[in-house]
Protein backbone atom coordinates (compact mmCIF):
# COMPACT_ATOMS: atom_id res chain seq x y z
CA MET A 1 24.05 -198.89 -241.35
CA ARG A 2 23.23 -196.06 -243.76
CA LYS A 3 25.96 -193.70 -244.84
CA PHE A 4 25.48 -190.00 -244.32
CA ASP A 5 25.39 -188.18 -247.64
CA ILE A 6 25.57 -184.39 -247.50
CA ARG A 7 23.98 -184.18 -250.96
CA ASN A 8 20.71 -185.45 -249.46
CA LEU A 9 20.45 -182.45 -247.13
CA LYS A 10 17.69 -180.09 -248.10
CA VAL A 11 17.45 -176.48 -247.00
CA ARG A 12 14.07 -174.80 -247.11
CA SER A 13 12.89 -171.35 -246.25
CA VAL A 14 10.77 -171.08 -243.11
CA SER A 15 8.63 -168.07 -242.27
CA ALA A 16 8.38 -166.62 -238.75
CA ASP A 17 4.84 -168.01 -238.40
CA GLN A 18 6.07 -171.57 -239.00
CA ILE A 19 8.46 -171.46 -236.01
CA SER A 20 7.08 -172.35 -232.60
CA GLU A 21 7.34 -169.82 -229.77
CA ARG A 22 9.74 -172.11 -227.89
CA LEU A 23 12.01 -172.64 -230.92
CA LEU A 24 12.04 -168.91 -231.63
CA LEU A 25 13.28 -168.15 -228.09
CA ILE A 26 15.82 -171.01 -228.15
CA ASN A 27 17.17 -169.67 -231.44
CA LEU A 28 17.31 -166.10 -230.08
CA TYR A 29 19.17 -167.03 -226.89
CA ALA A 30 21.46 -169.55 -228.63
CA THR A 31 22.57 -167.06 -231.29
CA GLN A 32 23.21 -164.41 -228.63
CA GLY A 33 25.25 -166.91 -226.60
CA ILE A 34 27.33 -167.74 -229.67
CA THR A 35 27.72 -164.02 -230.42
CA PHE A 36 28.97 -163.39 -226.88
CA ILE A 37 31.48 -166.27 -226.99
CA ILE A 38 32.85 -165.18 -230.38
CA GLY A 39 33.14 -161.59 -229.11
CA MET A 40 35.00 -162.65 -225.96
CA LEU A 41 37.39 -164.91 -227.90
CA TRP A 42 38.02 -162.21 -230.52
CA VAL A 43 38.88 -159.64 -227.83
CA ILE A 44 41.19 -162.16 -226.09
CA PHE A 45 42.94 -163.02 -229.39
CA GLN A 46 43.49 -159.29 -229.92
CA GLY A 47 45.49 -159.38 -226.67
CA ARG A 48 43.00 -157.19 -224.83
CA ASN A 49 41.35 -157.72 -221.47
CA ALA A 50 37.67 -158.53 -222.06
CA ILE A 51 36.83 -157.78 -218.42
CA LEU A 52 38.28 -154.26 -218.66
CA LEU A 53 36.13 -153.68 -221.73
CA PHE A 54 33.09 -153.92 -219.44
CA ARG A 55 34.51 -151.65 -216.74
CA PHE A 56 31.78 -149.16 -215.89
CA PRO A 57 32.89 -145.54 -216.44
CA GLU A 58 32.94 -143.08 -213.55
CA ASP A 59 31.65 -140.32 -215.80
CA TYR A 60 27.98 -140.67 -216.79
CA ARG A 61 28.23 -138.56 -219.95
CA PHE A 62 28.12 -141.79 -221.95
CA ALA A 63 24.43 -142.04 -220.95
CA VAL A 64 23.74 -138.71 -222.68
CA TRP A 65 25.37 -140.03 -225.88
CA ALA A 66 23.34 -143.24 -225.61
CA ALA A 67 20.01 -141.54 -224.89
CA GLY A 68 20.55 -138.97 -227.66
CA LEU A 69 21.34 -141.63 -230.24
CA ALA A 70 18.43 -143.83 -229.14
CA LEU A 71 16.00 -140.91 -229.36
CA ALA A 72 17.27 -139.94 -232.83
CA VAL A 73 17.01 -143.54 -234.10
CA VAL A 74 13.49 -144.09 -232.73
CA LEU A 75 12.25 -140.78 -234.19
CA LEU A 76 13.84 -141.59 -237.56
CA ASP A 77 12.32 -145.09 -237.54
CA LEU A 78 8.85 -143.72 -236.71
CA LEU A 79 9.12 -141.10 -239.47
CA VAL A 80 10.34 -143.61 -242.06
CA SER A 81 7.62 -146.10 -241.04
CA ARG A 82 4.97 -143.42 -241.39
CA TRP A 83 5.82 -142.57 -245.02
CA THR A 84 7.11 -145.91 -246.25
CA PRO A 85 4.89 -148.77 -247.45
CA GLU A 86 4.74 -151.57 -244.89
CA GLU A 87 6.07 -154.16 -247.35
CA ALA A 88 9.23 -152.06 -247.87
CA MET A 89 10.01 -152.36 -244.14
CA GLU A 90 9.15 -156.07 -243.86
CA ASP A 91 11.48 -158.18 -241.70
CA GLY A 92 9.66 -161.47 -242.09
CA GLY A 93 7.64 -160.90 -238.92
CA ILE A 94 10.48 -161.80 -236.55
CA ASN A 95 10.38 -158.61 -234.45
CA GLU A 96 6.61 -158.88 -234.22
CA ARG A 97 6.86 -162.50 -233.04
CA ILE A 98 9.59 -161.73 -230.53
CA PHE A 99 7.89 -158.77 -228.85
CA ARG A 100 4.13 -158.79 -229.44
CA GLY A 101 2.94 -161.11 -226.66
CA ARG A 102 5.92 -160.92 -224.37
CA PRO A 103 5.65 -159.63 -220.78
CA ILE A 104 7.49 -156.34 -220.25
CA TRP A 105 10.12 -157.93 -217.96
CA HIS A 106 10.95 -160.40 -220.75
CA ILE A 107 11.23 -157.63 -223.35
CA VAL A 108 13.68 -155.84 -221.02
CA LEU A 109 15.68 -159.08 -220.56
CA ILE A 110 15.83 -159.80 -224.31
CA CYS A 111 16.93 -156.22 -225.07
CA ALA A 112 19.62 -156.34 -222.37
CA ILE A 113 21.05 -159.66 -223.57
CA VAL A 114 21.00 -158.66 -227.25
CA SER A 115 22.62 -155.26 -226.61
CA VAL A 116 25.46 -156.68 -224.47
CA CYS A 117 26.22 -159.65 -226.75
CA GLU A 118 26.03 -157.80 -230.07
CA GLU A 119 27.93 -154.73 -228.88
CA LEU A 120 30.69 -156.87 -227.38
CA LEU A 121 31.20 -158.58 -230.73
CA PHE A 122 30.66 -155.69 -233.13
CA ARG A 123 31.87 -152.59 -231.30
CA GLY A 124 34.15 -154.27 -228.75
CA ALA A 125 35.87 -156.75 -231.07
CA VAL A 126 35.17 -156.31 -234.80
CA GLN A 127 35.38 -152.50 -234.83
CA SER A 128 38.83 -152.65 -233.22
CA SER A 129 40.02 -154.76 -236.15
CA PHE A 130 38.17 -153.24 -239.12
CA GLY A 131 36.79 -149.84 -238.08
CA PRO A 132 33.16 -148.65 -237.95
CA TYR A 133 32.45 -148.78 -241.71
CA TRP A 134 33.28 -152.45 -242.34
CA THR A 135 31.82 -153.40 -238.96
CA SER A 136 28.55 -151.80 -240.05
CA ILE A 137 28.61 -153.69 -243.36
CA LEU A 138 28.98 -156.95 -241.41
CA PHE A 139 26.34 -155.90 -238.86
CA ALA A 140 23.84 -155.18 -241.66
CA ALA A 141 24.70 -158.48 -243.38
CA ILE A 142 24.01 -160.61 -240.28
CA HIS A 143 20.60 -158.98 -239.91
CA VAL A 144 19.68 -161.10 -242.91
CA ARG A 145 15.92 -160.70 -242.40
CA TYR A 146 16.22 -157.08 -243.60
CA LEU A 147 18.35 -157.74 -246.67
CA ARG A 148 15.36 -158.16 -249.01
CA HIS A 149 14.56 -154.46 -248.69
CA TRP A 150 17.05 -151.63 -249.09
CA ILE A 151 15.42 -149.17 -246.64
CA PRO A 152 15.73 -151.34 -243.48
CA THR A 153 19.16 -152.58 -244.62
CA GLY A 154 20.33 -148.98 -244.98
CA MET A 155 18.85 -148.09 -241.61
CA VAL A 156 20.59 -151.04 -239.89
CA PHE A 157 23.89 -149.96 -241.49
CA ALA A 158 23.39 -146.32 -240.39
CA ILE A 159 22.42 -147.31 -236.84
CA SER A 160 25.46 -149.58 -236.59
CA TYR A 161 27.73 -146.80 -237.86
CA ALA A 162 26.20 -144.39 -235.32
CA LEU A 163 26.77 -146.94 -232.53
CA GLY A 164 30.41 -147.20 -233.62
CA TRP A 165 30.75 -143.42 -233.66
CA VAL A 166 29.24 -143.16 -230.16
CA TYR A 167 31.67 -145.85 -228.95
CA ILE A 168 34.63 -143.88 -230.27
CA HIS A 169 33.49 -140.54 -228.84
CA ALA A 170 32.22 -141.78 -225.47
CA GLY A 171 35.26 -144.01 -224.97
CA THR A 172 33.29 -146.81 -223.31
CA LEU A 173 31.48 -149.88 -224.60
CA TRP A 174 28.60 -148.99 -222.26
CA ALA A 175 27.58 -146.12 -224.58
CA PRO A 176 26.65 -148.33 -227.57
CA ILE A 177 25.30 -151.02 -225.22
CA ALA A 178 22.95 -148.50 -223.56
CA ALA A 179 21.93 -146.98 -226.92
CA HIS A 180 21.29 -150.41 -228.46
CA PHE A 181 19.30 -151.43 -225.37
CA LEU A 182 17.13 -148.30 -225.45
CA ILE A 183 16.47 -148.57 -229.21
CA ASP A 184 15.41 -152.22 -228.97
CA LEU A 185 13.41 -151.65 -225.78
CA ILE A 186 11.43 -148.70 -227.14
CA MET A 187 10.74 -150.44 -230.45
CA GLY A 188 9.80 -153.67 -228.64
CA LEU A 189 7.40 -151.81 -226.36
CA ILE A 190 5.86 -150.04 -229.35
CA ILE A 191 5.23 -153.41 -231.03
CA ARG A 192 3.68 -154.79 -227.82
CA LEU A 193 1.55 -151.67 -227.29
CA ARG A 194 0.34 -151.71 -230.88
CA ARG A 195 -0.85 -155.30 -230.41
CA GLU A 196 -2.69 -154.40 -227.18
CA MET A 197 -4.42 -151.46 -228.89
CA LYS A 198 -5.62 -153.73 -231.73
CA SER A 199 -7.16 -156.27 -229.32
């Protein structure tokens, strides 16, 4: 029987085009599942009720905060994309692969899962421990595909900070969840639409 030797492990960089469609989706859903579990455990270890965190507010003003932030982010992204070289905004093709050929119902599902899982962890759990600034540093760092370029990294940090600010002012986790959902949904639909217009 051969012994396992960790020194024989090799790590290599893989581009988005080298990953199969199935593996890409498995990776997406698995990482979101892990994110959700970590978020729930973190909230529980803080001595807070994770179920109450998801209590839907009676007042719908949070939706105005969410829609306003989503609109501002999408407009900013479109403006930056218009005047910035494409290579400076490169994310390794992941967003393109996730959204370009996906049916609309699946884009909606992906955006809903990502927004709930990531906002639970980052706004619901991490921000309560470290505040919006350090949470945004961590949020930008885990979006590792953007770290090669300072413009998208700065934008991810700013969006995260804005989501944290909206959470504080709206007083409900549903505000950043809704904003995150709308941002991802609109950008995902733009990617899909752009592909349809090219073909």
